Amino acid sequence: MKDRVAEIIAKVDALNLQLDEAKAKKESVVAEATNLQMSLDLANRLVNGLSDEKVRWESNVIRMGQEKLTMIGNTLVAAAFVSYIGPFSFSFRKNLWCE
């Protein structure tokens, strides 16, 4: 009878050891799943932030394409203005045209 009780106690101890190992493995898997979920949440936030940037960049590309068309004219107007207000006075420029 004592042998049978000792055998049952040994089986119970072995099962308790397996249970503890299974609980430890479960806790590590849950911790890993939590870390992965946090990483996934951060990745989603990054992707959503970058999608907003995509919209801004697309509008900038359109705006810069339109500005490229007017840049030559703006440059010519600026150059004409700078040469007009250059180092020569109005009276000197007038004398150049009249003489």
Protein backbone atom coordinates (compact mmCIF):
# COMPACT_ATOMS: atom_id res chain seq x y z
CA MET A 1 0.00 0.00 0.00
CA LYS A 2 2.79 2.41 0.88
CA ASP A 3 4.47 1.64 -2.41
CA ARG A 4 1.29 2.47 -4.27
CA VAL A 5 0.90 5.80 -2.38
CA ALA A 6 4.54 6.67 -3.06
CA GLU A 7 4.02 5.86 -6.74
CA ILE A 8 0.94 8.09 -6.91
CA ILE A 9 2.76 10.92 -5.10
CA ALA A 10 5.66 10.61 -7.55
CA LYS A 11 3.21 10.84 -10.48
CA VAL A 12 1.51 13.87 -8.93
CA ASP A 13 4.89 15.54 -8.40
CA ALA A 14 5.85 14.84 -12.02
CA LEU A 15 2.51 16.23 -13.22
CA ASN A 16 2.93 19.34 -11.02
CA LEU A 17 6.40 19.84 -12.52
CA GLN A 18 4.93 19.57 -16.04
CA LEU A 19 2.19 22.01 -15.03
CA ASP A 20 4.75 24.53 -13.76
CA GLU A 21 6.76 24.20 -16.98
CA ALA A 22 3.61 24.67 -19.06
CA LYS A 23 2.64 27.77 -17.03
CA ALA A 24 6.12 29.25 -17.49
CA LYS A 25 5.97 28.57 -21.23
CA LYS A 26 2.50 30.12 -21.41
CA GLU A 27 3.71 33.25 -19.60
CA SER A 28 6.66 33.63 -21.98
CA VAL A 29 4.35 33.19 -25.00
CA VAL A 30 1.90 35.77 -23.60
CA ALA A 31 4.76 38.21 -22.94
CA GLU A 32 6.06 37.72 -26.48
CA ALA A 33 2.55 38.21 -27.90
CA THR A 34 2.22 41.44 -25.90
CA ASN A 35 5.55 42.72 -27.22
CA LEU A 36 4.58 41.81 -30.78
CA GLN A 37 1.21 43.56 -30.38
CA MET A 38 2.96 46.72 -29.17
CA SER A 39 5.34 46.54 -32.15
CA LEU A 40 2.38 46.09 -34.49
CA ASP A 41 0.61 49.10 -32.96
CA LEU A 42 3.75 51.24 -33.40
CA ALA A 43 4.10 50.07 -37.00
CA ASN A 44 0.46 50.97 -37.71
CA ARG A 45 0.97 54.43 -36.24
CA LEU A 46 4.07 54.91 -38.39
CA VAL A 47 2.30 53.79 -41.57
CA ASN A 48 -0.67 56.04 -40.85
CA GLY A 49 1.67 58.97 -40.22
CA LEU A 50 3.48 58.30 -43.47
CA SER A 51 0.22 58.11 -45.40
CA ASP A 52 -0.50 61.67 -44.26
CA GLU A 53 2.95 62.66 -45.48
CA LYS A 54 2.20 61.07 -48.86
CA VAL A 55 -0.75 63.42 -49.34
CA ARG A 56 1.41 66.42 -48.42
CA TRP A 57 4.22 65.34 -50.74
CA GLU A 58 1.82 64.80 -53.64
CA SER A 59 0.39 68.31 -53.21
CA ASN A 60 3.95 69.71 -53.04
CA VAL A 61 4.85 67.96 -56.30
CA ILE A 62 1.81 69.47 -58.03
CA ARG A 63 2.55 72.93 -56.62
CA MET A 64 6.22 72.77 -57.63
CA GLY A 65 5.26 71.66 -61.13
CA GLN A 66 3.08 74.75 -61.45
CA GLU A 67 5.81 77.00 -60.02
CA LYS A 68 8.29 75.59 -62.53
CA LEU A 69 6.16 76.99 -65.35
CA THR A 70 6.27 80.53 -63.96
CA MET A 71 9.85 80.49 -62.68
CA ILE A 72 11.43 81.75 -65.93
CA GLY A 73 9.07 84.71 -66.17
CA ASN A 74 9.54 85.54 -62.49
CA THR A 75 13.30 85.44 -62.96
CA LEU A 76 13.13 87.77 -65.96
CA VAL A 77 10.94 90.24 -64.08
CA ALA A 78 13.30 90.15 -61.09
CA ALA A 79 16.35 90.68 -63.32
CA ALA A 80 14.67 93.61 -65.08
CA PHE A 81 13.75 95.17 -61.75
CA VAL A 82 17.27 94.78 -60.38
CA SER A 83 18.77 96.31 -63.50
CA TYR A 84 16.24 99.16 -63.37
CA ILE A 85 17.07 100.07 -59.77
CA GLY A 86 20.76 99.36 -60.35
CA PRO A 87 23.65 101.76 -59.69
CA PHE A 88 22.55 104.39 -62.23
CA SER A 89 20.17 107.18 -61.34
CA PHE A 90 17.06 108.05 -63.33
CA SER A 91 18.64 111.15 -64.83
CA PHE A 92 21.71 109.19 -65.96
CA ARG A 93 19.52 106.50 -67.58
CA LYS A 94 17.45 109.23 -69.26
CA ASN A 95 20.61 110.80 -70.68
CA LEU A 96 21.65 107.41 -72.07
CA TRP A 97 18.39 107.13 -74.01
CA CYS A 98 18.26 110.70 -75.21
CA GLU A 99 21.80 111.09 -76.44
